[in-house]
C-alpha atoms as a PDB file:
ATOM      1  CA  MET A   1      -8.083   4.090 -10.293  1.00  0.00           C
ATOM      2  CA  PRO A   2      -9.381   0.901  -8.715  1.00  0.00           C
ATOM      3  CA  TRP A   3     -12.995   1.666  -9.666  1.00  0.00           C
ATOM      4  CA  LEU A   4     -11.937   1.883 -13.391  1.00  0.00           C
ATOM      5  CA  TYR A   5     -10.937  -1.764 -13.325  1.00  0.00           C
ATOM      6  CA  LEU A   6     -14.236  -2.817 -11.860  1.00  0.00           C
ATOM      7  CA  LEU A   7     -16.346  -1.000 -14.315  1.00  0.00           C
ATOM      8  CA  LEU A   8     -14.188  -2.277 -17.316  1.00  0.00           C
ATOM      9  CA  ALA A   9     -14.908  -5.760 -15.663  1.00  0.00           C
ATOM     10  CA  LEU A  10     -18.733  -5.217 -15.438  1.00  0.00           C
ATOM     11  CA  ALA A  11     -18.175  -3.949 -19.244  1.00  0.00           C
ATOM     12  CA  ALA A  12     -16.791  -7.156 -20.150  1.00  0.00           C
ATOM     13  CA  PHE A  13     -19.241  -9.283 -18.345  1.00  0.00           C
ATOM     14  CA  ALA A  14     -21.928  -7.362 -20.158  1.00  0.00           C
ATOM     15  CA  VAL A  15     -20.172  -8.088 -23.558  1.00  0.00           C
ATOM     16  CA  ALA A  16     -20.097 -11.755 -22.548  1.00  0.00           C
ATOM     17  CA  PHE A  17     -23.870 -11.848 -21.838  1.00  0.00           C
ATOM     18  CA  LYS A  18     -24.806 -10.165 -24.843  1.00  0.00           C
ATOM     19  CA  THR A  19     -22.465 -11.971 -27.669  1.00  0.00           C
ATOM     20  CA  THR A  20     -23.556 -15.084 -29.580  1.00  0.00           C
ATOM     21  CA  SER A  21     -19.945 -15.796 -30.501  1.00  0.00           C
ATOM     22  CA  VAL A  22     -18.118 -18.358 -28.192  1.00  0.00           C
ATOM     23  CA  ALA A  23     -14.672 -16.937 -28.986  1.00  0.00           C
ATOM     24  CA  VAL A  24     -15.958 -13.339 -27.760  1.00  0.00           C
ATOM     25  CA  LEU A  25     -17.479 -15.172 -24.767  1.00  0.00           C
ATOM     26  CA  VAL A  26     -14.009 -16.636 -23.729  1.00  0.00           C
ATOM     27  CA  ILE A  27     -12.217 -13.525 -24.437  1.00  0.00           C
ATOM     28  CA  SER A  28     -14.489 -11.207 -22.602  1.00  0.00           C
ATOM     29  CA  LEU A  29     -14.667 -13.525 -19.477  1.00  0.00           C
ATOM     30  CA  LEU A  30     -11.148 -13.811 -19.203  1.00  0.00           C
ATOM     31  CA  LEU A  31     -10.867 -10.110 -19.673  1.00  0.00           C
ATOM     32  CA  ALA A  32     -13.384  -9.649 -16.882  1.00  0.00           C
ATOM     33  CA  LEU A  33     -11.640 -12.134 -14.650  1.00  0.00           C
ATOM     34  CA  GLY A  34      -8.345 -10.261 -15.250  1.00  0.00           C
ATOM     35  CA  LEU A  35      -9.799  -6.947 -14.603  1.00  0.00           C
ATOM     36  CA  LEU A  36     -11.636  -7.998 -11.160  1.00  0.00           C
ATOM     37  CA  LEU A  37      -8.062  -9.378 -10.138  1.00  0.00           C
ATOM     38  CA  ALA A  38      -6.460  -6.044 -10.955  1.00  0.00           C
ATOM     39  CA  TRP A  39      -9.182  -4.332  -9.050  1.00  0.00           C
ATOM     40  CA  VAL A  40      -8.814  -6.503  -6.028  1.00  0.00           C
ATOM     41  CA  LEU A  41      -4.951  -5.964  -5.963  1.00  0.00           C
ATOM     42  CA  SER A  42      -5.090  -2.486  -6.682  1.00  0.00           C
ATOM     43  CA  LEU A  43      -7.367  -2.001  -3.568  1.00  0.00           C
ATOM     44  CA  VAL A  44      -4.980  -4.003  -1.499  1.00  0.00           C
ATOM     45  CA  ALA A  45      -2.120  -2.091  -2.538  1.00  0.00           C
ATOM     46  CA  GLN A  46      -3.848   1.184  -1.633  1.00  0.00           C
ATOM     47  CA  ARG A  47      -4.708  -0.244   1.864  1.00  0.00           C
ATOM     48  CA  VAL A  48      -1.162  -1.478   2.254  1.00  0.00           C
ATOM     49  CA  GLY A  49       0.190   2.162   1.168  1.00  0.00           C
ATOM     50  CA  SER A  50      -2.185   4.029   3.473  1.00  0.00           C
ATOM     51  CA  ARG A  51      -0.943   2.173   6.580  1.00  0.00           C
ATOM     52  CA  SER A  52       2.803   1.804   5.796  1.00  0.00           C
ATOM     53  CA  ARG A  53       5.047   4.173   7.948  1.00  0.00           C
ATOM     54  CA  ASP A  54       7.095   7.053   6.395  1.00  0.00           C
ATOM     55  CA  THR A  55      10.567   5.998   5.935  1.00  0.00           C
ATOM     56  CA  ALA A  56      11.959   9.469   6.227  1.00  0.00           C
ATOM     57  CA  ALA A  57      10.804   9.576   9.997  1.00  0.00           C
ATOM     58  CA  MET A  58      13.043   6.531  10.754  1.00  0.00           C
ATOM     59  CA  ILE A  59      16.317   7.141  12.603  1.00  0.00           C
ATOM     60  CA  ASP A  60      19.253   5.555  10.956  1.00  0.00           C
ATOM     61  CA  PRO A  61      21.585   3.340  13.349  1.00  0.00           C
ATOM     62  CA  GLU A  62      24.324   5.997  13.649  1.00  0.00           C
ATOM     63  CA  GLU A  63      21.782   8.639  14.839  1.00  0.00           C
ATOM     64  CA  LEU A  64      20.340   6.024  17.357  1.00  0.00           C
ATOM     65  CA  ARG A  65      24.106   5.511  18.619  1.00  0.00           C
ATOM     66  CA  ARG A  66      24.286   9.276  19.259  1.00  0.00           C
ATOM     67  CA  LEU A  67      21.148   9.484  20.890  1.00  0.00           C
ATOM     68  CA  ARG A  68      21.855   6.493  23.239  1.00  0.00           C
ATOM     69  CA  ALA A  69      25.385   8.099  23.997  1.00  0.00           C
ATOM     70  CA  GLN A  70      23.896  11.207  24.974  1.00  0.00           C
ATOM     71  CA  ALA A  71      21.259   9.652  27.091  1.00  0.00           C
ATOM     72  CA  GLU A  72      23.983   7.602  28.687  1.00  0.00           C
ATOM     73  CA  ALA A  73      26.054  10.720  29.394  1.00  0.00           C
ATOM     74  CA  ARG A  74      23.267  12.549  30.933  1.00  0.00           C
ATOM     75  CA  ARG A  75      22.277   9.639  33.083  1.00  0.00           C
ATOM     76  CA  ASN A  76      25.946   9.420  34.167  1.00  0.00           C
ATOM     77  CA  SER A  77      26.105  13.085  35.039  1.00  0.00           C
ATOM     78  CA  GLY A  78      22.988  13.315  37.079  1.00  0.00           C
ATOM     79  CA  GLN A  79      21.087  15.725  34.868  1.00  0.00           C
ATOM     80  CA  PRO A  80      17.426  15.458  34.554  1.00  0.00           C
ATOM     81  CA  PRO A  81      16.278  14.087  31.154  1.00  0.00           C
ATOM     82  CA  ALA A  82      15.784  16.868  28.424  1.00  0.00           C
ATOM     83  CA  PRO A  83      11.883  16.997  27.148  1.00  0.00           C
ATOM     84  CA  PRO A  84      11.419  15.328  23.877  1.00  0.00           C
ATOM     85  CA  ALA A  85      11.551  17.422  20.904  1.00  0.00           C
ATOM     86  CA  ALA A  86       7.996  18.098  19.318  1.00  0.00           C
END
């Protein structure tokens, strides 16, 4: 989708170069600027989205308390730590 913004911006620049009307020139240059901005922002959004963590994999505070309590109980009883779940 970001590349569509770039292609449309290039088309708007082509219209700006070919036109003889000042009004069409201003409109097409503004459109090209807006499409270039949309292109850059969509590339950044894709980059950030690909680097973000999956929120489903995060541990909620209650689960974290339960795991800490289990680890503390194991430590107090002298059992070796359980292998991590895969």
